[in-house]
Amino acid sequence: MFREINVAGFVLKNGWVFCQITFLIYMIILAVMDIKRRQVHLGFLLSGIIWVILSVICERTVSTGEIIAGILAGAFFLLLSKLTKESFGYGDSILIVIMGAFLGFWSLMSVLFMAFFMAGLFSVIMLLKTKFHKKSKFPFIPFLMAAYAGGIILNGY
């Protein structure tokens, strides 16, 4: 009546799906940290490199050039963090570098487009409710996480 669940077999057969789901869990944890403390633990943030390495084992179908371009796109955000004196936080930028290496350039662009769209919509709503002013700051990682989750559901990266 019940079949034995072979976790190793599932992971081997659906490697990329497994990597995506575990990366989403990693991002959910980061989003909660960002909401609660407005900062993320650097050690945990950098543990995202594990998923970049695992993505090779998980049979991701992204070219090396696309991965390099994704990392360079993330590097742009690191520069932006420095130039804006962290108006755009280093934690956000480091996560974007990791996401660029994990997803590749085009999927990263899709995530960033949706994340900035949602953050902009959130800002407008909060400004209209007068809970924010022009200089208000809010965590961005939750928007990256939501955009990534939406992309998995709609697009399947």
Protein backbone atom coordinates (compact mmCIF):
# COMPACT_ATOMS: atom_id res chain seq x y z
CA MET A 1 0.00 0.00 0.00
CA PHE A 2 2.76 2.49 0.91
CA ARG A 3 5.83 2.92 -1.22
CA GLU A 4 9.21 3.50 0.30
CA ILE A 5 10.43 7.01 -0.39
CA ASN A 6 13.94 6.95 -1.75
CA VAL A 7 15.28 10.42 -1.00
CA ALA A 8 18.61 9.84 -2.71
CA GLY A 9 16.83 8.58 -5.83
CA PHE A 10 14.55 11.64 -5.87
CA VAL A 11 17.51 14.00 -5.49
CA LEU A 12 19.45 12.27 -8.27
CA LYS A 13 16.45 12.21 -10.59
CA ASN A 14 15.28 15.76 -9.80
CA GLY A 15 18.56 17.39 -8.84
CA TRP A 16 17.83 20.90 -10.10
CA VAL A 17 14.39 20.96 -8.45
CA PHE A 18 16.01 19.86 -5.17
CA CYS A 19 18.62 22.62 -5.46
CA GLN A 20 15.95 25.22 -6.21
CA ILE A 21 13.82 24.21 -3.23
CA THR A 22 16.74 24.17 -0.79
CA PHE A 23 17.95 27.54 -2.16
CA LEU A 24 14.45 28.90 -1.57
CA ILE A 25 14.61 27.72 2.06
CA TYR A 26 17.98 29.49 2.39
CA MET A 27 16.41 32.67 0.98
CA ILE A 28 13.39 32.43 3.32
CA ILE A 29 15.75 32.28 6.30
CA LEU A 30 17.65 35.32 4.97
CA ALA A 31 14.38 37.21 4.41
CA VAL A 32 13.27 36.56 7.99
CA MET A 33 16.67 37.76 9.28
CA ASP A 34 16.42 40.88 7.13
CA ILE A 35 12.89 41.68 8.32
CA LYS A 36 13.67 41.10 12.01
CA ARG A 37 17.11 42.73 12.25
CA ARG A 38 17.51 44.74 9.05
CA GLN A 39 20.78 42.88 8.60
CA VAL A 40 21.87 39.34 7.78
CA HIS A 41 24.63 37.24 9.28
CA LEU A 42 27.57 37.33 6.86
CA GLY A 43 28.57 33.72 7.53
CA PHE A 44 25.08 32.45 6.74
CA LEU A 45 24.82 34.75 3.72
CA LEU A 46 28.09 33.39 2.31
CA SER A 47 26.89 29.82 2.85
CA GLY A 48 24.91 30.44 -0.35
CA ILE A 49 28.13 29.56 -2.16
CA ILE A 50 27.33 25.94 -1.24
CA TRP A 51 24.27 26.12 -3.53
CA VAL A 52 26.39 27.58 -6.32
CA ILE A 53 28.69 24.54 -6.04
CA LEU A 54 25.74 22.15 -5.70
CA SER A 55 24.10 23.64 -8.78
CA VAL A 56 26.85 22.05 -10.88
CA ILE A 57 26.07 18.65 -9.35
CA CYS A 58 22.32 19.30 -9.73
CA GLU A 59 22.68 19.42 -13.52
CA ARG A 60 21.78 23.06 -14.00
CA THR A 61 21.56 24.01 -17.68
CA VAL A 62 23.21 27.43 -17.63
CA SER A 63 26.32 28.26 -19.63
CA THR A 64 29.56 29.39 -18.03
CA GLY A 65 29.25 32.74 -19.80
CA GLU A 66 25.79 33.27 -18.32
CA ILE A 67 27.11 32.45 -14.84
CA ILE A 68 29.99 34.92 -15.22
CA ALA A 69 27.58 37.59 -16.50
CA GLY A 70 25.31 36.92 -13.49
CA ILE A 71 28.24 37.37 -11.11
CA LEU A 72 29.25 40.59 -12.88
CA ALA A 73 25.68 41.90 -12.60
CA GLY A 74 25.88 41.22 -8.87
CA ALA A 75 29.25 42.99 -8.73
CA PHE A 76 27.51 46.06 -10.13
CA PHE A 77 25.25 46.05 -7.07
CA LEU A 78 28.28 45.77 -4.78
CA LEU A 79 29.63 48.91 -6.43
CA LEU A 80 26.22 50.53 -6.03
CA SER A 81 26.29 49.70 -2.30
CA LYS A 82 29.66 51.38 -1.96
CA LEU A 83 28.70 54.45 -4.00
CA THR A 84 25.43 54.97 -2.10
CA LYS A 85 27.10 54.44 1.29
CA GLU A 86 24.91 51.38 1.78
CA SER A 87 21.54 52.89 0.88
CA PHE A 88 21.41 49.62 -1.04
CA GLY A 89 22.90 47.23 1.53
CA TYR A 90 25.95 45.05 1.08
CA GLY A 91 23.93 42.02 2.21
CA ASP A 92 21.47 42.57 -0.64
CA SER A 93 24.36 42.94 -3.09
CA ILE A 94 26.21 39.85 -1.89
CA LEU A 95 23.00 37.83 -2.22
CA ILE A 96 22.57 39.14 -5.78
CA VAL A 97 26.13 37.98 -6.63
CA ILE A 98 25.30 34.53 -5.21
CA MET A 99 21.99 34.44 -7.09
CA GLY A 100 23.79 35.46 -10.29
CA ALA A 101 26.19 32.55 -9.91
CA PHE A 102 23.36 30.16 -9.01
CA LEU A 103 20.81 31.20 -11.66
CA GLY A 104 22.82 32.81 -14.44
CA PHE A 105 22.37 36.25 -15.96
CA TRP A 106 18.93 36.03 -17.59
CA SER A 107 17.17 34.35 -14.69
CA LEU A 108 18.82 36.87 -12.34
CA MET A 109 17.49 39.72 -14.49
CA SER A 110 14.00 38.23 -14.23
CA VAL A 111 14.27 37.99 -10.44
CA LEU A 112 15.63 41.53 -10.15
CA PHE A 113 12.91 42.97 -12.37
CA MET A 114 10.17 41.39 -10.26
CA ALA A 115 11.87 42.24 -6.95
CA PHE A 116 12.28 45.91 -7.87
CA PHE A 117 8.72 46.03 -9.20
CA MET A 118 7.33 44.58 -5.95
CA ALA A 119 9.53 46.84 -3.81
CA GLY A 120 8.39 49.87 -5.81
CA LEU A 121 4.75 48.90 -5.43
CA PHE A 122 5.28 48.38 -1.70
CA SER A 123 6.91 51.83 -1.44
CA VAL A 124 4.02 53.54 -3.23
CA ILE A 125 1.46 51.84 -0.99
CA MET A 126 3.40 52.76 2.15
CA LEU A 127 3.84 56.36 0.98
CA LEU A 128 0.10 56.63 0.32
CA LYS A 129 -0.64 55.26 3.78
CA THR A 130 1.82 57.86 5.14
CA LYS A 131 3.77 55.16 6.98
CA PHE A 132 6.84 56.03 4.91
CA HIS A 133 8.56 59.14 3.70
CA LYS A 134 10.96 59.54 0.76
CA LYS A 135 14.02 58.56 2.82
CA SER A 136 12.46 55.51 4.51
CA LYS A 137 14.41 52.26 4.34
CA PHE A 138 13.02 48.75 4.25
CA PRO A 139 14.52 45.27 3.82
CA PHE A 140 14.98 44.18 0.20
CA ILE A 141 15.82 40.48 0.61
CA PRO A 142 12.13 39.56 1.17
CA PHE A 143 11.38 40.96 -2.30
CA LEU A 144 14.27 38.97 -3.81
CA MET A 145 12.93 35.85 -2.11
CA ALA A 146 9.35 36.46 -3.28
CA ALA A 147 10.51 37.12 -6.85
CA TYR A 148 12.64 33.95 -6.82
CA ALA A 149 9.74 31.88 -5.43
CA GLY A 150 7.39 33.32 -8.04
CA GLY A 151 9.88 32.52 -10.77
CA ILE A 152 10.12 28.92 -9.63
CA ILE A 153 6.34 28.59 -9.69
CA LEU A 154 5.73 30.42 -12.97
CA ASN A 155 8.88 29.91 -14.96
CA GLY A 156 10.76 27.04 -13.45
CA TYR A 157 14.16 28.68 -14.00
